[in-house]
Amino acid sequence: MNINIILPYKETYSEKLAGAVSLLVAEVKNQSKYKNNIKIFGSLILKKPLTKDYISCDLSDKPFYYIFGRTSYYLENIKKKISKKKSIIEIHNRPQAANFFLNNNNNNNKIILYFHNDPLTLRGSKYVYQRLFLLKNLNKLIFVSEWTKRQFFKDLPVIDSEKCLIIYPGSNLIKRVIKKKNNIVFAGKLNQSKGYNIFTNVILEILKKNRSWTCDIVGDDQDLTRK
């Protein structure tokens, strides 16, 4: 059975600019015993994708008269490129895309939704009725943390489901522990959804009380850059 992995619109699945979603997808793909059956779909044309099975659903040919947004056009393009045979559709961090494929599931595909962020901040899972719909109709829901899963079940009439799994992002083991430094690192998007606003408030107090410690911040955010 083919496995079609759908990246978020604008996710950069490349060697130099890969984010957390892309890195996880590439790592799982490379380690999977089904890797020859996996295809990864994204919206960007990339010279050096993380894996060779990447398929670009370029939006440059989007007709001006198309009345829906780019995300809808992106999903329509993916639907056309997915095999007509029954397959697994794995959607990352976009409940809106999961709803699209649930409503266009003519082949009775198995549909999985992977949450990397707070479900209460994502379009298509903000409200109770939306999360109940996903819980009822999806084959599996995967969360990267206990906290993310708890957020999904917030205010729902149930607190868990056999459909739900927690799969933590992995990392390579090191053979020896290097000498540690008194350094705190924040790595990720510099926005509220990643907790950057909380971090900046707390880190100042920590550094004032611990003069031997330092802090490095690594990341960017388009909204922050525009400000």
C-alpha atoms as a PDB file:
ATOM      1  CA  MET A   1       0.000   0.000   0.000  1.00  0.00           C
ATOM      2  CA  ASN A   2       1.295   3.456  -0.916  1.00  0.00           C
ATOM      3  CA  ILE A   3       1.885   6.022   1.830  1.00  0.00           C
ATOM      4  CA  ASN A   4       1.333   9.639   0.825  1.00  0.00           C
ATOM      5  CA  ILE A   5       2.765  12.185   3.267  1.00  0.00           C
ATOM      6  CA  ILE A   6       1.403  15.716   2.910  1.00  0.00           C
ATOM      7  CA  LEU A   7       3.488  18.568   4.246  1.00  0.00           C
ATOM      8  CA  PRO A   8       1.986  21.873   5.387  1.00  0.00           C
ATOM      9  CA  TYR A   9       1.648  24.442   2.638  1.00  0.00           C
ATOM     10  CA  LYS A  10       4.942  26.439   2.410  1.00  0.00           C
ATOM     11  CA  GLU A  11       6.883  23.838   4.411  1.00  0.00           C
ATOM     12  CA  THR A  12      10.468  23.848   3.096  1.00  0.00           C
ATOM     13  CA  TYR A  13      11.590  20.238   2.690  1.00  0.00           C
ATOM     14  CA  SER A  14      15.200  21.067   1.823  1.00  0.00           C
ATOM     15  CA  GLU A  15      18.654  20.361   3.219  1.00  0.00           C
ATOM     16  CA  LYS A  16      19.407  23.930   4.317  1.00  0.00           C
ATOM     17  CA  LEU A  17      15.995  25.298   5.338  1.00  0.00           C
ATOM     18  CA  ALA A  18      14.165  22.297   6.784  1.00  0.00           C
ATOM     19  CA  GLY A  19      11.956  22.914   9.802  1.00  0.00           C
ATOM     20  CA  ALA A  20      10.893  20.519  12.548  1.00  0.00           C
ATOM     21  CA  VAL A  21       8.119  18.909  10.459  1.00  0.00           C
ATOM     22  CA  SER A  22      10.410  18.264   7.491  1.00  0.00           C
ATOM     23  CA  LEU A  23      13.200  16.856   9.642  1.00  0.00           C
ATOM     24  CA  LEU A  24      10.837  14.448  11.384  1.00  0.00           C
ATOM     25  CA  VAL A  25       9.246  13.313   8.102  1.00  0.00           C
ATOM     26  CA  ALA A  26      12.635  12.721   6.466  1.00  0.00           C
ATOM     27  CA  GLU A  27      13.970  10.798   9.484  1.00  0.00           C
ATOM     28  CA  VAL A  28      10.899   8.562   9.706  1.00  0.00           C
ATOM     29  CA  LYS A  29      10.952   7.956   5.970  1.00  0.00           C
ATOM     30  CA  ASN A  30      14.618   6.944   5.952  1.00  0.00           C
ATOM     31  CA  GLN A  31      14.132   4.553   8.886  1.00  0.00           C
ATOM     32  CA  SER A  32      10.855   3.033   7.711  1.00  0.00           C
ATOM     33  CA  LYS A  33      10.721  -0.493   6.295  1.00  0.00           C
ATOM     34  CA  TYR A  34       8.062   0.879   3.927  1.00  0.00           C
ATOM     35  CA  LYS A  35      10.279   3.687   2.601  1.00  0.00           C
ATOM     36  CA  ASN A  36       9.984   2.473  -0.995  1.00  0.00           C
ATOM     37  CA  ASN A  37       6.224   2.988  -0.792  1.00  0.00           C
ATOM     38  CA  ILE A  38       6.403   6.549   0.556  1.00  0.00           C
ATOM     39  CA  LYS A  39       5.835   9.734  -1.437  1.00  0.00           C
ATOM     40  CA  ILE A  40       6.122  13.192   0.117  1.00  0.00           C
ATOM     41  CA  PHE A  41       4.103  16.116  -1.232  1.00  0.00           C
ATOM     42  CA  GLY A  42       4.904  19.815  -0.804  1.00  0.00           C
ATOM     43  CA  SER A  43       4.100  23.093  -2.547  1.00  0.00           C
ATOM     44  CA  LEU A  44       7.651  24.347  -3.245  1.00  0.00           C
ATOM     45  CA  ILE A  45      10.019  23.551  -6.113  1.00  0.00           C
ATOM     46  CA  LEU A  46      13.273  22.459  -4.441  1.00  0.00           C
ATOM     47  CA  LYS A  47      16.691  21.763  -5.949  1.00  0.00           C
ATOM     48  CA  LYS A  48      17.833  19.597  -3.054  1.00  0.00           C
ATOM     49  CA  PRO A  49      14.920  18.044  -1.143  1.00  0.00           C
ATOM     50  CA  LEU A  50      15.722  16.037   1.977  1.00  0.00           C
ATOM     51  CA  THR A  51      14.696  12.798   0.239  1.00  0.00           C
ATOM     52  CA  LYS A  52      14.373  11.842  -3.409  1.00  0.00           C
ATOM     53  CA  ASP A  53      10.696  10.904  -3.223  1.00  0.00           C
ATOM     54  CA  TYR A  54       9.592  14.534  -2.821  1.00  0.00           C
ATOM     55  CA  ILE A  55       6.872  15.649  -5.255  1.00  0.00           C
ATOM     56  CA  SER A  56       6.262  19.356  -5.805  1.00  0.00           C
ATOM     57  CA  CYS A  57       2.702  20.569  -6.281  1.00  0.00           C
ATOM     58  CA  ASP A  58       3.743  23.934  -7.696  1.00  0.00           C
ATOM     59  CA  LEU A  59       1.169  26.713  -7.411  1.00  0.00           C
ATOM     60  CA  SER A  60       2.570  28.953 -10.144  1.00  0.00           C
ATOM     61  CA  ASP A  61      -0.033  27.717 -12.622  1.00  0.00           C
ATOM     62  CA  LYS A  62      -2.932  28.615 -10.324  1.00  0.00           C
ATOM     63  CA  PRO A  63      -5.486  30.304 -12.651  1.00  0.00           C
ATOM     64  CA  PHE A  64      -6.493  33.837 -11.737  1.00  0.00           C
ATOM     65  CA  TYR A  65     -10.171  32.879 -11.814  1.00  0.00           C
ATOM     66  CA  TYR A  66      -9.745  30.159  -9.160  1.00  0.00           C
ATOM     67  CA  ILE A  67     -12.021  31.446  -6.409  1.00  0.00           C
ATOM     68  CA  PHE A  68     -10.522  29.490  -3.505  1.00  0.00           C
ATOM     69  CA  GLY A  69      -7.221  30.118  -1.725  1.00  0.00           C
ATOM     70  CA  ARG A  70      -3.788  28.703  -2.437  1.00  0.00           C
ATOM     71  CA  THR A  71      -4.117  26.002   0.199  1.00  0.00           C
ATOM     72  CA  SER A  72      -7.250  24.651  -1.492  1.00  0.00           C
ATOM     73  CA  TYR A  73      -5.508  24.668  -4.874  1.00  0.00           C
ATOM     74  CA  TYR A  74      -2.492  22.934  -3.316  1.00  0.00           C
ATOM     75  CA  LEU A  75      -4.696  20.159  -1.926  1.00  0.00           C
ATOM     76  CA  GLU A  76      -6.571  19.779  -5.215  1.00  0.00           C
ATOM     77  CA  ASN A  77      -3.241  19.303  -7.015  1.00  0.00           C
ATOM     78  CA  ILE A  78      -2.143  16.668  -4.520  1.00  0.00           C
ATOM     79  CA  LYS A  79      -5.439  14.824  -4.908  1.00  0.00           C
ATOM     80  CA  LYS A  80      -4.827  14.592  -8.671  1.00  0.00           C
ATOM     81  CA  LYS A  81      -1.297  13.227  -8.192  1.00  0.00           C
ATOM     82  CA  ILE A  82      -2.155  10.611  -5.579  1.00  0.00           C
ATOM     83  CA  SER A  83      -2.628   7.112  -6.953  1.00  0.00           C
ATOM     84  CA  LYS A  84      -6.194   6.004  -7.555  1.00  0.00           C
ATOM     85  CA  LYS A  85      -5.475   2.863  -5.563  1.00  0.00           C
ATOM     86  CA  LYS A  86      -6.334   2.702  -1.876  1.00  0.00           C
ATOM     87  CA  SER A  87      -3.528   4.231   0.171  1.00  0.00           C
ATOM     88  CA  ILE A  88      -2.545   5.803   3.473  1.00  0.00           C
ATOM     89  CA  ILE A  89      -2.674   9.607   3.560  1.00  0.00           C
ATOM     90  CA  GLU A  90      -0.572  11.076   6.363  1.00  0.00           C
ATOM     91  CA  ILE A  91      -1.210  14.806   6.907  1.00  0.00           C
ATOM     92  CA  HIS A  92       1.130  16.904   9.018  1.00  0.00           C
ATOM     93  CA  ASN A  93      -0.126  19.711  11.233  1.00  0.00           C
ATOM     94  CA  ARG A  94      -3.026  20.795   9.030  1.00  0.00           C
ATOM     95  CA  PRO A  95      -6.503  19.763  10.262  1.00  0.00           C
ATOM     96  CA  GLN A  96      -7.904  21.788   7.360  1.00  0.00           C
ATOM     97  CA  ALA A  97      -6.174  19.398   4.937  1.00  0.00           C
ATOM     98  CA  ALA A  98      -7.466  16.388   6.884  1.00  0.00           C
ATOM     99  CA  ASN A  99     -11.019  17.698   6.459  1.00  0.00           C
ATOM    100  CA  PHE A 100     -10.411  18.122   2.729  1.00  0.00           C
ATOM    101  CA  PHE A 101      -9.331  14.507   2.253  1.00  0.00           C
ATOM    102  CA  LEU A 102     -12.066  13.174   4.520  1.00  0.00           C
ATOM    103  CA  ASN A 103     -14.582  14.927   2.277  1.00  0.00           C
ATOM    104  CA  ASN A 104     -12.853  13.635  -0.892  1.00  0.00           C
ATOM    105  CA  ASN A 105     -12.151  10.061   0.176  1.00  0.00           C
ATOM    106  CA  ASN A 106     -13.540   8.180  -2.809  1.00  0.00           C
ATOM    107  CA  ASN A 107     -10.998   5.347  -2.488  1.00  0.00           C
ATOM    108  CA  ASN A 108     -11.677   4.726   1.199  1.00  0.00           C
ATOM    109  CA  ASN A 109      -8.092   5.714   2.040  1.00  0.00           C
ATOM    110  CA  LYS A 110      -6.796   5.497   5.582  1.00  0.00           C
ATOM    111  CA  ILE A 111      -6.244   9.070   6.773  1.00  0.00           C
ATOM    112  CA  ILE A 112      -3.840  10.021   9.577  1.00  0.00           C
ATOM    113  CA  LEU A 113      -3.360  13.474  11.097  1.00  0.00           C
ATOM    114  CA  TYR A 114      -0.076  14.379  12.793  1.00  0.00           C
ATOM    115  CA  PHE A 115      -0.169  17.278  15.296  1.00  0.00           C
ATOM    116  CA  HIS A 116       3.110  19.155  15.821  1.00  0.00           C
ATOM    117  CA  ASN A 117       1.541  22.232  17.453  1.00  0.00           C
ATOM    118  CA  ASP A 118      -1.313  23.182  19.752  1.00  0.00           C
ATOM    119  CA  PRO A 119      -4.523  21.906  18.065  1.00  0.00           C
ATOM    120  CA  LEU A 120      -6.430  24.838  19.556  1.00  0.00           C
ATOM    121  CA  THR A 121      -4.446  27.259  17.369  1.00  0.00           C
ATOM    122  CA  LEU A 122      -4.838  25.415  14.051  1.00  0.00           C
ATOM    123  CA  ARG A 123      -7.590  26.017  11.523  1.00  0.00           C
ATOM    124  CA  GLY A 124      -9.895  23.022  11.512  1.00  0.00           C
ATOM    125  CA  SER A 125      -9.359  21.945  15.130  1.00  0.00           C
ATOM    126  CA  LYS A 126      -9.894  25.109  17.189  1.00  0.00           C
ATOM    127  CA  TYR A 127     -13.442  24.256  18.203  1.00  0.00           C
ATOM    128  CA  VAL A 128     -14.939  21.289  20.023  1.00  0.00           C
ATOM    129  CA  TYR A 129     -17.196  20.206  17.148  1.00  0.00           C
ATOM    130  CA  GLN A 130     -14.206  20.233  14.759  1.00  0.00           C
ATOM    131  CA  ARG A 131     -12.096  18.021  17.014  1.00  0.00           C
ATOM    132  CA  LEU A 132     -14.999  15.634  17.583  1.00  0.00           C
ATOM    133  CA  PHE A 133     -15.398  15.321  13.811  1.00  0.00           C
ATOM    134  CA  LEU A 134     -11.691  14.534  13.382  1.00  0.00           C
ATOM    135  CA  LEU A 135     -11.752  12.032  16.242  1.00  0.00           C
ATOM    136  CA  LYS A 136     -14.750  10.232  14.767  1.00  0.00           C
ATOM    137  CA  ASN A 137     -13.602  10.102  11.144  1.00  0.00           C
ATOM    138  CA  LEU A 138      -9.813   9.851  11.098  1.00  0.00           C
ATOM    139  CA  ASN A 139      -8.104   6.474  11.326  1.00  0.00           C
ATOM    140  CA  LYS A 140      -5.308   7.749  13.565  1.00  0.00           C
ATOM    141  CA  LEU A 141      -4.253  10.954  15.329  1.00  0.00           C
ATOM    142  CA  ILE A 142      -0.607  11.334  16.273  1.00  0.00           C
ATOM    143  CA  PHE A 143       0.807  13.880  18.716  1.00  0.00           C
ATOM    144  CA  VAL A 144       4.431  14.865  19.345  1.00  0.00           C
ATOM    145  CA  SER A 145       3.870  15.343  23.097  1.00  0.00           C
ATOM    146  CA  GLU A 146       1.531  14.613  26.005  1.00  0.00           C
ATOM    147  CA  TRP A 147       0.721  18.328  26.201  1.00  0.00           C
ATOM    148  CA  THR A 148      -0.341  18.515  22.540  1.00  0.00           C
ATOM    149  CA  LYS A 149      -2.631  15.547  23.064  1.00  0.00           C
ATOM    150  CA  ARG A 150      -4.161  17.088  26.202  1.00  0.00           C
ATOM    151  CA  GLN A 151      -4.878  20.268  24.271  1.00  0.00           C
ATOM    152  CA  PHE A 152      -6.758  18.278  21.637  1.00  0.00           C
ATOM    153  CA  PHE A 153      -9.022  16.709  24.267  1.00  0.00           C
ATOM    154  CA  LYS A 154      -9.620  19.975  26.132  1.00  0.00           C
ATOM    155  CA  ASP A 155     -13.384  20.455  26.734  1.00  0.00           C
ATOM    156  CA  LEU A 156     -14.248  17.249  24.848  1.00  0.00           C
ATOM    157  CA  PRO A 157     -16.705  14.757  26.422  1.00  0.00           C
ATOM    158  CA  VAL A 158     -13.936  12.106  26.286  1.00  0.00           C
ATOM    159  CA  ILE A 159     -10.360  12.260  27.545  1.00  0.00           C
ATOM    160  CA  ASP A 160      -8.691   9.681  25.298  1.00  0.00           C
ATOM    161  CA  SER A 161      -9.170   7.343  22.337  1.00  0.00           C
ATOM    162  CA  GLU A 162      -7.528   4.195  21.013  1.00  0.00           C
ATOM    163  CA  LYS A 163      -7.047   6.119  17.764  1.00  0.00           C
ATOM    164  CA  CYS A 164      -4.545   8.458  19.430  1.00  0.00           C
ATOM    165  CA  LEU A 165      -0.797   7.898  19.682  1.00  0.00           C
ATOM    166  CA  ILE A 166       2.092   9.944  21.024  1.00  0.00           C
ATOM    167  CA  ILE A 167       5.308   9.702  18.996  1.00  0.00           C
ATOM    168  CA  TYR A 168       8.103  11.875  20.312  1.00  0.00           C
ATOM    169  CA  PRO A 169      10.559  13.455  17.852  1.00  0.00           C
ATOM    170  CA  GLY A 170      13.798  11.487  17.935  1.00  0.00           C
ATOM    171  CA  SER A 171      17.469  12.363  17.984  1.00  0.00           C
ATOM    172  CA  ASN A 172      20.690  10.514  17.312  1.00  0.00           C
ATOM    173  CA  LEU A 173      22.499   9.087  20.326  1.00  0.00           C
ATOM    174  CA  ILE A 174      25.943  10.466  21.065  1.00  0.00           C
ATOM    175  CA  LYS A 175      28.766   8.118  22.034  1.00  0.00           C
ATOM    176  CA  ARG A 176      30.215  10.377  24.689  1.00  0.00           C
ATOM    177  CA  VAL A 177      28.921  13.328  26.662  1.00  0.00           C
ATOM    178  CA  ILE A 178      30.811  16.479  25.820  1.00  0.00           C
ATOM    179  CA  LYS A 179      31.759  18.976  28.490  1.00  0.00           C
ATOM    180  CA  LYS A 180      28.673  20.996  29.289  1.00  0.00           C
ATOM    181  CA  LYS A 181      28.560  24.781  29.313  1.00  0.00           C
ATOM    182  CA  ASN A 182      26.326  27.056  31.352  1.00  0.00           C
ATOM    183  CA  ASN A 183      24.352  28.020  28.288  1.00  0.00           C
ATOM    184  CA  ILE A 184      20.633  28.097  27.530  1.00  0.00           C
ATOM    185  CA  VAL A 185      19.557  27.798  23.891  1.00  0.00           C
ATOM    186  CA  PHE A 186      16.186  28.671  22.361  1.00  0.00           C
ATOM    187  CA  ALA A 187      15.859  27.182  18.858  1.00  0.00           C
ATOM    188  CA  GLY A 188      12.723  27.563  16.752  1.00  0.00           C
ATOM    189  CA  LYS A 189      10.263  30.055  15.372  1.00  0.00           C
ATOM    190  CA  LEU A 190      10.398  33.311  17.307  1.00  0.00           C
ATOM    191  CA  ASN A 191       6.675  33.609  17.786  1.00  0.00           C
ATOM    192  CA  GLN A 192       3.999  33.174  20.419  1.00  0.00           C
ATOM    193  CA  SER A 193       2.943  29.698  19.300  1.00  0.00           C
ATOM    194  CA  LYS A 194       6.449  28.446  20.152  1.00  0.00           C
ATOM    195  CA  GLY A 195       6.446  30.212  23.516  1.00  0.00           C
ATOM    196  CA  TYR A 196       9.087  32.767  22.554  1.00  0.00           C
ATOM    197  CA  ASN A 197       7.236  35.553  24.357  1.00  0.00           C
ATOM    198  CA  ILE A 198       7.286  33.533  27.589  1.00  0.00           C
ATOM    199  CA  PHE A 199      10.933  32.607  27.109  1.00  0.00           C
ATOM    200  CA  THR A 200      12.104  36.213  26.684  1.00  0.00           C
ATOM    201  CA  ASN A 201      10.379  37.265  29.904  1.00  0.00           C
ATOM    202  CA  VAL A 202      11.808  34.378  31.921  1.00  0.00           C
ATOM    203  CA  ILE A 203      15.349  34.286  30.540  1.00  0.00           C
ATOM    204  CA  LEU A 204      16.137  37.840  31.668  1.00  0.00           C
ATOM    205  CA  GLU A 205      15.355  36.941  35.259  1.00  0.00           C
ATOM    206  CA  ILE A 206      17.402  33.736  35.042  1.00  0.00           C
ATOM    207  CA  LEU A 207      20.471  35.532  33.666  1.00  0.00           C
ATOM    208  CA  LYS A 208      20.247  38.244  36.328  1.00  0.00           C
ATOM    209  CA  LYS A 209      20.361  35.635  39.082  1.00  0.00           C
ATOM    210  CA  ASN A 210      22.981  33.429  37.386  1.00  0.00           C
ATOM    211  CA  ARG A 211      25.773  35.650  36.083  1.00  0.00           C
ATOM    212  CA  SER A 212      27.887  32.739  34.860  1.00  0.00           C
ATOM    213  CA  TRP A 213      25.183  31.589  32.441  1.00  0.00           C
ATOM    214  CA  THR A 214      24.680  32.769  28.851  1.00  0.00           C
ATOM    215  CA  CYS A 215      21.860  32.469  26.329  1.00  0.00           C
ATOM    216  CA  ASP A 216      21.751  31.878  22.564  1.00  0.00           C
ATOM    217  CA  ILE A 217      18.608  32.378  20.460  1.00  0.00           C
ATOM    218  CA  VAL A 218      18.425  30.677  17.071  1.00  0.00           C
ATOM    219  CA  GLY A 219      15.436  31.120  14.742  1.00  0.00           C
ATOM    220  CA  ASP A 220      13.371  33.512  12.737  1.00  0.00           C
ATOM    221  CA  ASP A 221       9.807  34.542  12.055  1.00  0.00           C
ATOM    222  CA  GLN A 222       8.432  36.544   9.132  1.00  0.00           C
ATOM    223  CA  ASP A 223       5.978  38.468  11.290  1.00  0.00           C
ATOM    224  CA  LEU A 224       8.780  39.443  13.679  1.00  0.00           C
ATOM    225  CA  THR A 225      11.021  40.469  10.772  1.00  0.00           C
ATOM    226  CA  ARG A 226       8.360  42.777   9.349  1.00  0.00           C
ATOM    227  CA  LYS A 227       8.061  44.556  12.683  1.00  0.00           C
END
